[in-house]
Protein backbone atom coordinates (compact mmCIF):
# COMPACT_ATOMS: atom_id res chain seq x y z
CA MET A 1 61.79 -48.29 -16.85
CA ASP A 2 63.00 -44.74 -16.71
CA ILE A 3 65.14 -43.14 -19.44
CA GLU A 4 67.14 -41.35 -16.72
CA GLN A 5 68.38 -44.72 -15.47
CA TYR A 6 69.99 -45.31 -18.88
CA ARG A 7 71.32 -41.77 -19.21
CA ARG A 8 73.08 -42.06 -15.84
CA LEU A 9 75.07 -45.03 -17.16
CA ASN A 10 75.63 -43.60 -20.64
CA SER A 11 79.43 -43.28 -20.68
CA ASP A 12 82.32 -45.10 -22.27
CA GLU A 13 83.26 -46.65 -18.90
CA THR A 14 79.87 -48.27 -18.28
CA ILE A 15 78.68 -49.21 -21.77
CA ALA A 16 79.00 -52.89 -22.68
CA ILE A 17 78.72 -54.02 -26.31
CA THR A 18 79.51 -57.44 -27.73
CA ASN A 19 82.02 -57.78 -30.56
CA HIS A 20 79.21 -59.10 -32.76
CA ALA A 21 77.13 -55.98 -32.11
CA ILE A 22 80.12 -53.73 -32.86
CA MET A 23 80.57 -55.49 -36.23
CA ARG A 24 76.87 -54.97 -37.04
CA PHE A 25 77.08 -51.26 -36.10
CA ARG A 26 80.02 -50.83 -38.47
CA GLU A 27 78.04 -52.53 -41.26
CA ARG A 28 75.13 -50.15 -40.58
CA GLY A 29 77.32 -47.04 -40.28
CA ILE A 30 76.43 -46.50 -36.62
CA THR A 31 79.03 -45.11 -34.21
CA LEU A 32 79.25 -45.22 -30.44
CA ASP A 33 78.74 -41.44 -30.52
CA ASP A 34 75.45 -42.02 -32.40
CA ILE A 35 74.32 -44.51 -29.77
CA GLU A 36 75.27 -42.28 -26.84
CA LEU A 37 73.52 -39.30 -28.47
CA ALA A 38 70.36 -41.37 -29.04
CA ILE A 39 70.26 -42.41 -25.39
CA ASN A 40 70.79 -38.82 -24.22
CA LYS A 41 68.18 -37.32 -26.57
CA GLY A 42 65.75 -40.19 -27.02
CA ARG A 43 62.70 -41.60 -25.39
CA ILE A 44 61.58 -45.11 -24.59
CA ILE A 45 59.03 -46.26 -27.17
CA GLU A 46 58.77 -49.96 -26.29
CA GLU A 47 59.54 -51.96 -23.15
CA TYR A 48 60.43 -55.64 -22.93
CA PRO A 49 60.07 -56.49 -19.22
CA THR A 50 60.45 -60.26 -19.69
CA ASP A 51 63.77 -60.11 -21.56
CA LYS A 52 66.60 -62.09 -19.98
CA PRO A 53 68.94 -61.69 -18.24
CA PHE A 54 67.60 -58.13 -17.69
CA PRO A 55 64.51 -56.27 -18.89
CA SER A 56 65.23 -54.11 -21.94
CA CYS A 57 63.67 -51.32 -23.92
CA LEU A 58 63.74 -49.65 -27.31
CA ILE A 59 64.86 -46.02 -27.40
CA SER A 60 64.13 -43.81 -30.41
CA ALA A 61 65.87 -40.50 -31.05
CA GLN A 62 66.30 -38.00 -33.83
CA ILE A 63 70.08 -37.65 -33.86
CA SER A 64 70.23 -35.19 -36.74
CA ARG A 65 67.79 -33.47 -39.06
CA GLY A 66 65.44 -36.15 -40.31
CA LYS A 67 67.68 -39.00 -39.13
CA PHE A 68 66.34 -41.30 -36.41
CA LEU A 69 68.15 -44.08 -34.61
CA HIS A 70 66.74 -46.96 -32.56
CA VAL A 71 68.74 -48.50 -29.71
CA VAL A 72 67.77 -51.54 -27.65
CA VAL A 73 69.34 -51.41 -24.19
CA SER A 74 69.22 -53.11 -20.81
CA THR A 75 70.97 -52.57 -17.49
CA ASP A 76 71.91 -54.27 -14.25
CA ASP A 77 72.25 -50.82 -12.63
CA GLU A 78 76.03 -51.05 -13.00
CA PHE A 79 76.47 -51.36 -16.77
CA LEU A 80 74.46 -50.27 -19.78
CA TYR A 81 74.17 -53.16 -22.23
CA ILE A 82 73.68 -52.19 -25.86
CA ILE A 83 71.81 -55.09 -27.43
CA THR A 84 71.37 -53.68 -30.92
CA SER A 85 70.95 -50.44 -32.82
CA TYR A 86 69.59 -49.71 -36.28
CA TRP A 87 68.25 -47.04 -38.59
CA PRO A 88 64.47 -47.60 -38.55
CA ASP A 89 62.75 -48.33 -41.85
CA ALA A 90 60.17 -45.67 -42.82
CA GLU A 91 57.97 -48.40 -44.32
CA LYS A 92 57.72 -50.18 -40.96
CA TRP A 93 57.43 -47.18 -38.61
CA THR A 94 55.21 -44.10 -38.32
CA ASP A 95 56.57 -40.71 -39.43
CA ASP A 96 58.20 -40.00 -36.08
CA PHE A 97 59.55 -43.60 -35.87
CA SER A 98 57.84 -44.12 -32.50
CA LYS A 99 55.20 -46.70 -33.41
CA ARG A 100 55.24 -49.74 -35.65
CA LYS A 101 52.87 -49.53 -38.60
CA VAL A 102 50.08 -52.08 -38.60
CA ASN A 103 50.13 -54.35 -41.61
CA ASP A 104 46.68 -54.39 -43.27
CA LEU A 105 47.00 -57.88 -44.79
């Protein structure tokens, strides 16, 4: 997957988000502007090629000083589907929030 594919579709007219996801974003204090900024500034850090109905990926971006956002997206080349978005937990991710920490249990 190419980040440019997602950036091309990153507009209010082509973004699709379920009502459930919108409710979760409100609970987490995430706005559509945050999500759009993350897609425009971010990079793909994980890919999920077997996801259905379309392959998806995890985008990570620093949207303000010291504040990172993760967005899981997919596309059918017509719409950009926002699956989820969250503020990554520093205990579960490396300092730049690009790799999951390995649990040494």
